[in-house]
């Protein structure tokens, strides 16, 4: 799991896509399919965490005092 923590979002997503393609082929032994599936779930969780982190950054802005506050668009 430490290796996955160091992956970028793009690398994790690419590896996850490879896993999905491999499992969709259908000719994977059951034990191997389970192990691959678990790895895919770990990668999926990692991608989700990275997206949540980015989303949080996008909805907050730093004010003049260096404090984070929600980003609000002012209507014209």
N, C-alpha and C. Protein backbone atom coordinates (compact mmCIF):
# COMPACT_ATOMS: atom_id res chain seq x y z
N UNK A 1 0.83 -1.19 0.00
CA UNK A 1 0.00 0.00 0.00
C UNK A 1 0.86 1.25 0.00
N UNK A 2 2.05 1.21 0.54
CA UNK A 2 2.92 2.38 0.55
C UNK A 2 3.22 2.84 -0.86
N UNK A 3 3.38 1.88 -1.78
CA UNK A 3 3.66 2.25 -3.17
C UNK A 3 2.50 3.06 -3.75
N UNK A 4 1.26 2.63 -3.44
CA UNK A 4 0.10 3.34 -3.97
C UNK A 4 0.03 4.76 -3.44
N UNK A 5 0.46 4.98 -2.19
CA UNK A 5 0.41 6.32 -1.61
C UNK A 5 1.30 7.29 -2.38
N UNK A 6 2.34 6.78 -3.03
CA UNK A 6 3.27 7.63 -3.75
C UNK A 6 2.87 7.84 -5.21
N UNK A 7 1.87 7.10 -5.66
CA UNK A 7 1.42 7.24 -7.05
C UNK A 7 0.69 8.56 -7.24
N UNK A 8 0.84 9.13 -8.41
CA UNK A 8 0.03 10.30 -8.76
C UNK A 8 -1.36 9.80 -9.10
N UNK A 9 -2.30 10.73 -9.16
CA UNK A 9 -3.66 10.35 -9.54
C UNK A 9 -3.67 9.69 -10.91
N UNK A 10 -2.93 10.27 -11.84
CA UNK A 10 -2.92 9.74 -13.21
C UNK A 10 -2.33 8.34 -13.26
N UNK A 11 -1.25 8.10 -12.50
CA UNK A 11 -0.63 6.77 -12.47
C UNK A 11 -1.57 5.74 -11.86
N UNK A 12 -2.24 6.12 -10.78
CA UNK A 12 -3.17 5.21 -10.12
C UNK A 12 -4.35 4.89 -11.04
N UNK A 13 -4.85 5.90 -11.72
CA UNK A 13 -5.98 5.69 -12.63
C UNK A 13 -5.59 4.78 -13.79
N UNK A 14 -4.41 4.99 -14.34
CA UNK A 14 -3.91 4.16 -15.45
C UNK A 14 -3.79 2.70 -14.99
N UNK A 15 -3.23 2.49 -13.80
CA UNK A 15 -3.08 1.14 -13.28
C UNK A 15 -4.46 0.51 -13.01
N UNK A 16 -5.39 1.30 -12.53
CA UNK A 16 -6.74 0.82 -12.30
C UNK A 16 -7.41 0.42 -13.62
N UNK A 17 -7.22 1.21 -14.65
CA UNK A 17 -7.78 0.87 -15.96
C UNK A 17 -7.19 -0.43 -16.50
N UNK A 18 -5.91 -0.65 -16.26
CA UNK A 18 -5.25 -1.89 -16.68
C UNK A 18 -5.86 -3.08 -15.95
N UNK A 19 -6.12 -2.92 -14.66
CA UNK A 19 -6.73 -3.98 -13.87
C UNK A 19 -8.12 -4.30 -14.39
N UNK A 20 -8.91 -3.28 -14.66
CA UNK A 20 -10.26 -3.49 -15.17
C UNK A 20 -10.22 -4.23 -16.51
N UNK A 21 -9.34 -3.82 -17.40
CA UNK A 21 -9.21 -4.49 -18.69
C UNK A 21 -8.84 -5.96 -18.51
N UNK A 22 -7.91 -6.21 -17.59
CA UNK A 22 -7.46 -7.58 -17.34
C UNK A 22 -8.60 -8.45 -16.79
N UNK A 23 -9.36 -7.90 -15.86
CA UNK A 23 -10.48 -8.66 -15.29
C UNK A 23 -11.61 -8.86 -16.29
N UNK A 24 -11.80 -7.89 -17.18
CA UNK A 24 -12.87 -8.02 -18.18
C UNK A 24 -12.56 -9.09 -19.22
N UNK A 25 -11.30 -9.46 -19.36
CA UNK A 25 -10.95 -10.53 -20.29
C UNK A 25 -11.61 -11.84 -19.88
N UNK A 26 -11.78 -12.04 -18.59
CA UNK A 26 -12.52 -13.18 -18.10
C UNK A 26 -11.74 -14.47 -17.95
N UNK A 27 -10.51 -14.53 -18.37
CA UNK A 27 -9.76 -15.78 -18.28
C UNK A 27 -8.71 -15.73 -17.17
N UNK A 28 -9.08 -15.09 -16.05
CA UNK A 28 -8.18 -14.97 -14.91
C UNK A 28 -8.62 -15.98 -13.85
N UNK A 29 -7.68 -16.78 -13.32
CA UNK A 29 -8.05 -17.72 -12.25
C UNK A 29 -8.66 -16.97 -11.06
N UNK A 30 -9.56 -17.62 -10.37
CA UNK A 30 -10.32 -16.99 -9.30
C UNK A 30 -9.44 -16.33 -8.25
N UNK A 31 -8.42 -17.04 -7.75
CA UNK A 31 -7.56 -16.50 -6.71
C UNK A 31 -6.83 -15.23 -7.20
N UNK A 32 -6.36 -15.28 -8.43
CA UNK A 32 -5.68 -14.13 -9.01
C UNK A 32 -6.66 -12.97 -9.21
N UNK A 33 -7.87 -13.29 -9.64
CA UNK A 33 -8.89 -12.26 -9.86
C UNK A 33 -9.22 -11.55 -8.55
N UNK A 34 -9.29 -12.31 -7.46
CA UNK A 34 -9.59 -11.71 -6.16
C UNK A 34 -8.46 -10.78 -5.73
N UNK A 35 -7.22 -11.22 -5.90
CA UNK A 35 -6.07 -10.39 -5.53
C UNK A 35 -6.02 -9.12 -6.39
N UNK A 36 -6.27 -9.27 -7.68
CA UNK A 36 -6.27 -8.11 -8.58
C UNK A 36 -7.41 -7.16 -8.22
N UNK A 37 -8.57 -7.73 -7.89
CA UNK A 37 -9.72 -6.92 -7.50
C UNK A 37 -9.41 -6.10 -6.25
N UNK A 38 -8.79 -6.73 -5.26
CA UNK A 38 -8.43 -6.02 -4.02
C UNK A 38 -7.47 -4.87 -4.32
N UNK A 39 -6.49 -5.12 -5.18
CA UNK A 39 -5.55 -4.06 -5.55
C UNK A 39 -6.29 -2.93 -6.26
N UNK A 40 -7.23 -3.28 -7.11
CA UNK A 40 -8.04 -2.28 -7.80
C UNK A 40 -8.85 -1.44 -6.84
N UNK A 41 -9.40 -2.08 -5.81
CA UNK A 41 -10.17 -1.35 -4.81
C UNK A 41 -9.28 -0.37 -4.05
N UNK A 42 -8.05 -0.79 -3.73
CA UNK A 42 -7.10 0.11 -3.07
C UNK A 42 -6.77 1.30 -3.96
N UNK A 43 -6.57 1.04 -5.25
CA UNK A 43 -6.28 2.13 -6.18
C UNK A 43 -7.48 3.07 -6.33
N UNK A 44 -8.67 2.49 -6.36
CA UNK A 44 -9.89 3.29 -6.45
C UNK A 44 -10.03 4.19 -5.23
N UNK A 45 -9.75 3.65 -4.07
CA UNK A 45 -9.81 4.44 -2.84
C UNK A 45 -8.79 5.57 -2.87
N UNK A 46 -7.60 5.28 -3.34
CA UNK A 46 -6.55 6.29 -3.45
C UNK A 46 -6.98 7.42 -4.39
N UNK A 47 -7.52 7.06 -5.54
CA UNK A 47 -7.99 8.07 -6.50
C UNK A 47 -9.08 8.92 -5.88
N UNK A 48 -10.00 8.28 -5.18
CA UNK A 48 -11.10 9.01 -4.53
C UNK A 48 -10.56 9.99 -3.49
N UNK A 49 -9.58 9.56 -2.69
CA UNK A 49 -8.99 10.44 -1.69
C UNK A 49 -8.30 11.64 -2.33
N UNK A 50 -7.57 11.38 -3.41
CA UNK A 50 -6.88 12.47 -4.09
C UNK A 50 -7.89 13.46 -4.68
N UNK A 51 -8.97 12.96 -5.26
CA UNK A 51 -10.00 13.85 -5.81
C UNK A 51 -10.67 14.68 -4.72
N UNK A 52 -10.95 14.05 -3.57
CA UNK A 52 -11.56 14.79 -2.46
C UNK A 52 -10.63 15.90 -1.98
N UNK A 53 -9.34 15.61 -1.92
CA UNK A 53 -8.36 16.59 -1.48
C UNK A 53 -8.33 17.79 -2.43
N UNK A 54 -8.33 17.51 -3.72
CA UNK A 54 -8.32 18.58 -4.71
C UNK A 54 -9.62 19.37 -4.65
N UNK A 55 -10.73 18.68 -4.49
CA UNK A 55 -12.02 19.37 -4.41
C UNK A 55 -12.04 20.32 -3.22
N UNK A 56 -11.52 19.87 -2.09
CA UNK A 56 -11.48 20.73 -0.90
C UNK A 56 -10.64 21.97 -1.18
N UNK A 57 -9.53 21.81 -1.88
CA UNK A 57 -8.68 22.95 -2.20
C UNK A 57 -9.39 23.93 -3.12
N UNK A 58 -10.22 23.41 -4.01
CA UNK A 58 -10.90 24.27 -4.98
C UNK A 58 -12.05 25.06 -4.38
N UNK A 59 -12.59 24.61 -3.26
CA UNK A 59 -13.73 25.33 -2.67
C UNK A 59 -13.29 26.24 -1.53
N UNK A 60 -11.99 26.31 -1.26
CA UNK A 60 -11.48 27.20 -0.23
C UNK A 60 -10.48 28.17 -0.84
N UNK A 61 -10.40 29.34 -0.24
CA UNK A 61 -9.45 30.35 -0.69
C UNK A 61 -8.81 30.97 0.55
N UNK A 62 -7.58 31.38 0.42
CA UNK A 62 -6.90 31.98 1.55
C UNK A 62 -7.18 33.48 1.57
N UNK A 63 -7.58 34.00 2.74
CA UNK A 63 -7.83 35.44 2.84
C UNK A 63 -6.53 36.18 3.17
N UNK A 64 -6.63 37.49 3.36
CA UNK A 64 -5.44 38.31 3.61
C UNK A 64 -4.70 37.90 4.88
N UNK A 65 -5.41 37.32 5.85
CA UNK A 65 -4.81 36.91 7.11
C UNK A 65 -4.17 35.52 7.03
N UNK A 66 -4.22 34.90 5.87
CA UNK A 66 -3.65 33.57 5.69
C UNK A 66 -4.56 32.45 6.17
N UNK A 67 -5.82 32.76 6.42
CA UNK A 67 -6.78 31.75 6.87
C UNK A 67 -7.60 31.26 5.69
N UNK A 68 -7.91 29.97 5.71
CA UNK A 68 -8.75 29.41 4.65
C UNK A 68 -10.21 29.73 4.94
N UNK A 69 -10.92 30.09 3.89
CA UNK A 69 -12.34 30.33 4.01
C UNK A 69 -13.01 29.82 2.75
N UNK A 70 -14.32 29.55 2.83
CA UNK A 70 -15.02 29.07 1.64
C UNK A 70 -14.96 30.08 0.51
N UNK A 71 -14.79 29.58 -0.70
CA UNK A 71 -14.76 30.43 -1.87
C UNK A 71 -16.20 30.68 -2.32
N UNK A 72 -16.58 31.95 -2.40
CA UNK A 72 -17.95 32.31 -2.80
C UNK A 72 -17.85 33.28 -3.96
N UNK A 73 -18.57 32.97 -5.03
CA UNK A 73 -18.63 33.87 -6.19
C UNK A 73 -19.62 35.00 -5.88
N UNK A 74 -19.18 36.22 -6.05
CA UNK A 74 -20.06 37.35 -5.84
C UNK A 74 -20.85 37.61 -7.12
N UNK A 75 -22.16 37.77 -6.93
CA UNK A 75 -23.00 38.04 -8.11
C UNK A 75 -22.84 39.49 -8.50
N UNK A 76 -22.89 39.75 -9.79
CA UNK A 76 -22.74 41.12 -10.29
C UNK A 76 -24.05 41.84 -10.32
